[in-house]
């Protein structure tokens, strides 16, 4: 494992090693054990999209591991003035030990990995959100005790979260069902991967069918960053794709509900359901820190 670019690149072993290390780091932090795994290491953090959880969790994680994180907005970099991403990759590779980028195009992340000589971490693109999904899987395993054999249901837009959840869930032997409007389905390469997984995946536009007997239901906002101009159009398209009490009535009795945040209550999820599952959702948010610390240790600490 040289980079974290997308879930499609990871093996089941890679995922489980990250989750196991994340559990260990979380346990040790809770018990006052301090780490210096990344002493003297620097992470460049490029943000072309706004962030709460990604910035705070990576910056805090580097500090707790003994390293240092540099916040670099697009307006502060020459990349924002037209410098090719491959040049930025080669320059930062001479200064830093790793790059985390939160941006729009997946190609930008892939180009950083191609032209740079240090580990690249995808903090979010329009195609993938691997850091969030690793935290999701960590949270599900914490609450359920295992991952294999569970049914994961995703409701909503076939976006970066859907793409990464489908791949991540299938790679750890979960059954995955996604309910999206027909014009908002997951990426074709994700669906191609899912079709090869021995019948463990189903795509539908029927939310109740997708949620039937689910062990965990996950949703996301209907309009992601950069799609604000489509908000009204999407609000109409996603009517009926809401996580609510009626949907949960067909899921397993102990079904979890997760949301990557920020949440728009009474749109993709009702306030009632959100608050009923707030402990799970904020465990999920916390686990961004621990899962990403595991990624940082594996990539920047040299652990293979």
Protein backbone atom coordinates (compact mmCIF):
# COMPACT_ATOMS: atom_id res chain seq x y z
CA UNK A 1 0.00 0.00 0.00
CA UNK A 2 1.77 3.14 -1.26
CA UNK A 3 -1.17 5.55 -1.45
CA UNK A 4 -4.84 5.86 -0.49
CA UNK A 5 -6.50 7.04 -3.70
CA UNK A 6 -9.78 5.07 -3.82
CA UNK A 7 -11.33 1.97 -2.28
CA UNK A 8 -10.98 0.10 -5.57
CA UNK A 9 -7.20 0.08 -5.04
CA UNK A 10 -7.36 -1.59 -1.62
CA UNK A 11 -7.43 -5.31 -0.91
CA UNK A 12 -9.47 -6.81 1.89
CA UNK A 13 -6.20 -7.29 3.78
CA UNK A 14 -5.32 -3.60 3.37
CA UNK A 15 -8.72 -2.58 4.74
CA UNK A 16 -8.61 -4.93 7.70
CA UNK A 17 -5.06 -3.87 8.62
CA UNK A 18 -6.14 -0.23 8.66
CA UNK A 19 -9.22 -1.03 10.78
CA UNK A 20 -7.20 -3.13 13.23
CA UNK A 21 -4.55 -0.43 13.60
CA UNK A 22 -7.26 2.21 13.96
CA UNK A 23 -8.84 0.21 16.79
CA UNK A 24 -5.46 -0.12 18.49
CA UNK A 25 -4.64 3.59 18.19
CA UNK A 26 -8.10 4.54 19.48
CA UNK A 27 -7.79 2.22 22.48
CA UNK A 28 -4.34 3.49 23.35
CA UNK A 29 -5.37 7.14 23.04
CA UNK A 30 -8.36 6.55 25.31
CA UNK A 31 -5.98 5.03 27.86
CA UNK A 32 -3.50 7.89 27.77
CA UNK A 33 -0.83 6.17 25.68
CA UNK A 34 0.91 8.78 23.53
CA UNK A 35 2.49 8.04 20.16
CA UNK A 36 5.46 9.47 18.30
CA UNK A 37 5.12 7.29 15.21
CA UNK A 38 5.43 10.29 12.88
CA UNK A 39 7.92 12.39 14.84
CA UNK A 40 9.56 14.87 12.48
CA UNK A 41 7.16 14.05 9.60
CA UNK A 42 5.15 16.70 7.72
CA UNK A 43 1.83 16.26 5.90
CA UNK A 44 0.87 18.81 3.23
CA UNK A 45 -2.93 19.22 3.21
CA UNK A 46 -4.34 20.72 0.00
CA UNK A 47 -7.93 21.95 0.24
CA UNK A 48 -9.85 22.93 -2.88
CA UNK A 49 -13.12 22.08 -1.10
CA UNK A 50 -14.24 23.36 2.29
CA UNK A 51 -13.97 21.01 5.25
CA UNK A 52 -14.69 20.52 8.93
CA UNK A 53 -14.01 16.87 9.73
CA UNK A 54 -11.27 16.28 7.17
CA UNK A 55 -9.13 19.23 8.18
CA UNK A 56 -9.56 18.90 11.94
CA UNK A 57 -9.11 15.12 12.03
CA UNK A 58 -5.98 15.07 9.85
CA UNK A 59 -4.40 18.04 11.62
CA UNK A 60 -5.19 16.60 15.05
CA UNK A 61 -4.06 13.14 13.98
CA UNK A 62 -0.66 14.38 12.79
CA UNK A 63 -0.19 16.30 16.04
CA UNK A 64 -1.10 13.28 18.17
CA UNK A 65 1.35 11.13 16.20
CA UNK A 66 4.19 13.60 16.74
CA UNK A 67 4.15 15.11 13.25
CA UNK A 68 3.06 18.37 11.70
CA UNK A 69 0.32 19.24 9.20
CA UNK A 70 0.38 22.19 6.79
CA UNK A 71 -2.98 23.63 5.70
CA UNK A 72 -2.73 24.76 2.07
CA UNK A 73 -5.79 26.30 0.43
CA UNK A 74 -5.99 26.62 -3.34
CA UNK A 75 -5.72 30.41 -3.00
CA UNK A 76 -2.40 30.01 -1.18
CA UNK A 77 -0.80 27.65 -3.70
CA UNK A 78 0.49 28.28 -7.20
CA UNK A 79 -1.81 25.44 -8.26
CA UNK A 80 -4.60 28.00 -7.85
CA UNK A 81 -2.84 30.23 -10.40
CA UNK A 82 -2.44 27.56 -13.04
CA UNK A 83 0.65 25.62 -11.98
CA UNK A 84 0.25 22.03 -13.26
CA UNK A 85 -0.58 19.53 -10.53
CA UNK A 86 2.41 17.41 -11.58
CA UNK A 87 4.75 20.29 -10.75
CA UNK A 88 3.10 20.83 -7.37
CA UNK A 89 3.51 17.10 -6.69
CA UNK A 90 7.22 17.19 -7.44
CA UNK A 91 7.84 20.33 -5.39
CA UNK A 92 5.95 19.15 -2.31
CA UNK A 93 7.70 15.78 -2.56
CA UNK A 94 10.99 17.63 -1.92
CA UNK A 95 9.60 19.28 1.25
CA UNK A 96 7.06 16.96 2.86
CA UNK A 97 6.54 13.30 3.76
CA UNK A 98 2.98 12.98 2.43
CA UNK A 99 0.16 14.88 0.74
CA UNK A 100 -3.53 14.79 1.61
CA UNK A 101 -5.79 16.48 -0.94
CA UNK A 102 -9.49 17.32 -0.85
CA UNK A 103 -10.57 18.35 -4.33
CA UNK A 104 -13.03 17.82 -7.18
CA UNK A 105 -11.44 15.65 -9.88
CA UNK A 106 -10.15 12.16 -9.12
CA UNK A 107 -7.56 12.66 -11.88
CA UNK A 108 -5.89 15.34 -9.76
CA UNK A 109 -5.31 12.81 -6.98
CA UNK A 110 -4.07 10.19 -9.44
CA UNK A 111 -1.70 12.72 -11.04
CA UNK A 112 -0.22 13.61 -7.65
CA UNK A 113 0.52 9.92 -7.10
CA UNK A 114 2.01 9.53 -10.58
CA UNK A 115 4.33 12.51 -10.46
CA UNK A 116 5.09 12.77 -6.76
CA UNK A 117 7.48 10.56 -4.82
CA UNK A 118 5.65 10.54 -1.47
CA UNK A 119 2.38 8.95 -0.29
CA UNK A 120 -0.85 10.59 -1.49
CA UNK A 121 -4.10 10.42 0.50
CA UNK A 122 -7.47 11.19 -1.04
CA UNK A 123 -9.33 13.35 1.49
CA UNK A 124 -12.31 13.50 -0.89
CA UNK A 125 -13.00 13.82 -4.61
CA UNK A 126 -16.22 13.80 -6.60
CA UNK A 127 -15.54 10.11 -7.31
CA UNK A 128 -14.35 8.71 -3.99
CA UNK A 129 -14.22 9.29 -0.24
CA UNK A 130 -12.08 6.43 1.08
CA UNK A 131 -11.19 8.04 4.42
CA UNK A 132 -14.86 8.39 5.34
CA UNK A 133 -15.69 4.82 4.36
CA UNK A 134 -12.81 3.39 6.39
CA UNK A 135 -14.26 5.26 9.39
CA UNK A 136 -17.72 3.92 8.54
CA UNK A 137 -16.48 0.33 8.44
CA UNK A 138 -14.60 0.85 11.70
CA UNK A 139 -17.80 2.14 13.34
CA UNK A 140 -19.97 -0.69 12.03
CA UNK A 141 -17.52 -3.28 13.34
CA UNK A 142 -17.36 -1.53 16.73
CA UNK A 143 -21.14 -1.70 17.10
CA UNK A 144 -21.82 -5.04 15.41
CA UNK A 145 -18.66 -7.01 16.29
CA UNK A 146 -17.97 -8.03 12.70
CA UNK A 147 -18.51 -6.99 9.08
CA UNK A 148 -18.78 -10.21 7.08
CA UNK A 149 -22.36 -11.24 6.40
CA UNK A 150 -23.97 -7.94 7.41
CA UNK A 151 -26.30 -6.13 5.03
CA UNK A 152 -25.43 -2.51 4.28
CA UNK A 153 -28.05 -0.30 2.65
CA UNK A 154 -27.25 3.04 1.03
CA UNK A 155 -30.07 5.49 0.27
CA UNK A 156 -29.68 8.58 -1.91
CA UNK A 157 -27.31 10.03 -4.48
CA UNK A 158 -24.94 7.71 -6.33
CA UNK A 159 -22.05 9.98 -5.40
CA UNK A 160 -18.55 9.59 -3.99
CA UNK A 161 -19.96 8.10 -0.78
CA UNK A 162 -22.05 5.56 -2.66
CA UNK A 163 -19.10 4.61 -4.85
CA UNK A 164 -16.76 4.06 -1.91
CA UNK A 165 -19.31 2.37 0.36
CA UNK A 166 -20.27 -0.14 -2.32
CA UNK A 167 -16.67 -1.11 -2.97
CA UNK A 168 -15.61 -1.08 0.67
CA UNK A 169 -18.60 -3.09 1.86
CA UNK A 170 -18.20 -5.73 -0.83
CA UNK A 171 -14.47 -6.07 -0.21
CA UNK A 172 -15.09 -6.98 3.45
CA UNK A 173 -17.80 -9.51 2.51
CA UNK A 174 -20.89 -7.49 3.33
CA UNK A 175 -24.07 -7.65 1.27
CA UNK A 176 -24.68 -4.19 -0.19
CA UNK A 177 -27.89 -2.73 -1.57
CA UNK A 178 -28.08 0.81 -2.95
CA UNK A 179 -31.27 2.73 -3.69
CA UNK A 180 -30.77 5.72 -5.97
CA UNK A 181 -32.94 7.55 -8.51
CA UNK A 182 -32.35 6.16 -12.00
CA UNK A 183 -30.62 9.34 -13.17
CA UNK A 184 -28.29 9.43 -10.15
CA UNK A 185 -26.72 5.99 -10.08
CA UNK A 186 -23.18 5.18 -8.89
CA UNK A 187 -20.20 5.35 -11.25
CA UNK A 188 -20.04 2.75 -14.04
CA UNK A 189 -16.67 1.35 -12.94
CA UNK A 190 -18.05 0.80 -9.44
CA UNK A 191 -21.07 -1.03 -10.85
CA UNK A 192 -18.77 -3.14 -13.03
CA UNK A 193 -16.79 -4.12 -9.93
CA UNK A 194 -19.98 -4.87 -7.97
CA UNK A 195 -21.37 -7.12 -10.69
CA UNK A 196 -18.35 -9.41 -10.25
CA UNK A 197 -18.96 -9.94 -6.53
CA UNK A 198 -21.07 -13.07 -6.66
CA UNK A 199 -24.53 -11.60 -6.17
CA UNK A 200 -23.66 -9.63 -3.02
CA UNK A 201 -24.77 -6.34 -4.59
CA UNK A 202 -28.12 -4.98 -5.71
CA UNK A 203 -29.03 -1.60 -7.21
CA UNK A 204 -32.64 -0.43 -7.12
CA UNK A 205 -34.78 2.69 -7.07
CA UNK A 206 -37.04 1.17 -4.38
CA UNK A 207 -35.91 2.35 -0.94
CA UNK A 208 -38.09 -0.07 1.00
CA UNK A 209 -36.72 -3.01 -0.96
CA UNK A 210 -33.16 -1.84 -0.36
CA UNK A 211 -33.70 -1.37 3.39
CA UNK A 212 -35.39 -4.73 3.99
CA UNK A 213 -33.49 -6.67 6.67
CA UNK A 214 -30.63 -4.15 6.64
CA UNK A 215 -28.13 -4.13 9.51
CA UNK A 216 -26.91 -0.64 8.69
CA UNK A 217 -28.49 2.16 6.64
CA UNK A 218 -26.32 5.00 5.35
CA UNK A 219 -27.25 8.22 3.58
CA UNK A 220 -25.70 11.49 2.41
CA UNK A 221 -26.88 14.93 1.32
CA UNK A 222 -28.78 15.18 -1.95
CA UNK A 223 -26.60 18.01 -3.30
CA UNK A 224 -22.88 17.81 -2.59
CA UNK A 225 -20.33 20.64 -2.76
CA UNK A 226 -20.24 22.06 -6.27
CA UNK A 227 -23.85 21.00 -6.94
CA UNK A 228 -25.57 23.87 -5.14
CA UNK A 229 -27.03 25.11 -8.41
CA UNK A 230 -28.88 21.79 -8.80
CA UNK A 231 -30.43 21.91 -5.34
CA UNK A 232 -34.02 22.48 -6.47
CA UNK A 233 -33.80 19.91 -9.26
CA UNK A 234 -32.28 17.35 -6.92
CA UNK A 235 -34.85 17.99 -4.20
CA UNK A 236 -37.54 16.89 -6.67
CA UNK A 237 -35.56 13.89 -7.95
CA UNK A 238 -34.87 12.60 -4.44
CA UNK A 239 -38.40 12.83 -3.04
CA UNK A 240 -39.00 9.48 -1.34
CA UNK A 241 -35.27 8.81 -0.81
CA UNK A 242 -35.35 9.77 2.83
CA UNK A 243 -34.18 7.79 5.84
CA UNK A 244 -37.18 7.93 8.14
CA UNK A 245 -39.14 5.87 10.65
CA UNK A 246 -41.12 4.12 7.91
CA UNK A 247 -37.93 3.01 6.15
CA UNK A 248 -36.45 1.68 9.39
CA UNK A 249 -39.59 -0.38 10.01
CA UNK A 250 -38.48 -2.92 7.37
CA UNK A 251 -34.83 -3.05 8.52
CA UNK A 252 -33.51 -5.32 11.24
CA UNK A 253 -34.58 -4.30 14.72
CA UNK A 254 -31.05 -3.29 15.78
CA UNK A 255 -30.28 -1.52 12.52
CA UNK A 256 -27.64 1.23 12.69
CA UNK A 257 -27.99 4.54 10.87
CA UNK A 258 -24.91 6.44 9.71
CA UNK A 259 -24.39 9.78 7.98
CA UNK A 260 -21.03 11.21 6.87
CA UNK A 261 -22.18 14.76 7.75
CA UNK A 262 -23.12 17.53 7.34
CA UNK A 263 -26.74 16.41 7.57
CA UNK A 264 -29.75 18.30 6.24
CA UNK A 265 -32.51 17.27 8.60
CA UNK A 266 -35.92 16.67 7.00
CA UNK A 267 -34.27 16.21 3.59
CA UNK A 268 -32.22 13.01 3.30
CA UNK A 269 -32.89 12.09 6.95
CA UNK A 270 -35.55 13.10 9.46
CA UNK A 271 -34.54 14.86 12.66
CA UNK A 272 -36.24 12.07 14.62
CA UNK A 273 -34.11 9.33 13.08
CA UNK A 274 -30.94 11.41 13.20
CA UNK A 275 -31.26 12.09 16.92
CA UNK A 276 -32.24 8.50 17.69
CA UNK A 277 -28.97 7.36 16.07
CA UNK A 278 -26.80 10.35 17.00
CA UNK A 279 -24.44 8.26 19.14
CA UNK A 280 -23.63 6.05 16.14
CA UNK A 281 -23.30 9.01 13.79
CA UNK A 282 -20.89 10.87 16.06
CA UNK A 283 -18.91 7.70 16.80
CA UNK A 284 -18.58 7.58 13.01
CA UNK A 285 -17.37 11.19 12.93
CA UNK A 286 -14.85 10.52 15.72
CA UNK A 287 -13.53 7.47 13.93
CA UNK A 288 -12.38 9.67 11.04
CA UNK A 289 -9.55 10.62 13.41
CA UNK A 290 -8.59 7.07 14.35
CA UNK A 291 -8.93 5.47 10.90
CA UNK A 292 -6.92 8.28 9.32
CA UNK A 293 -4.23 8.01 11.98
CA UNK A 294 -3.92 4.36 10.97
CA UNK A 295 -3.58 5.37 7.31
CA UNK A 296 -0.96 7.97 8.21
CA UNK A 297 1.08 5.49 10.24
CA UNK A 298 0.97 2.90 7.46
CA UNK A 299 1.91 5.35 4.71
CA UNK A 300 4.17 7.92 6.36
CA UNK A 301 5.51 5.66 9.11
CA UNK A 302 6.70 3.05 6.67
CA UNK A 303 4.48 0.23 7.99
CA UNK A 304 3.54 -2.08 5.13
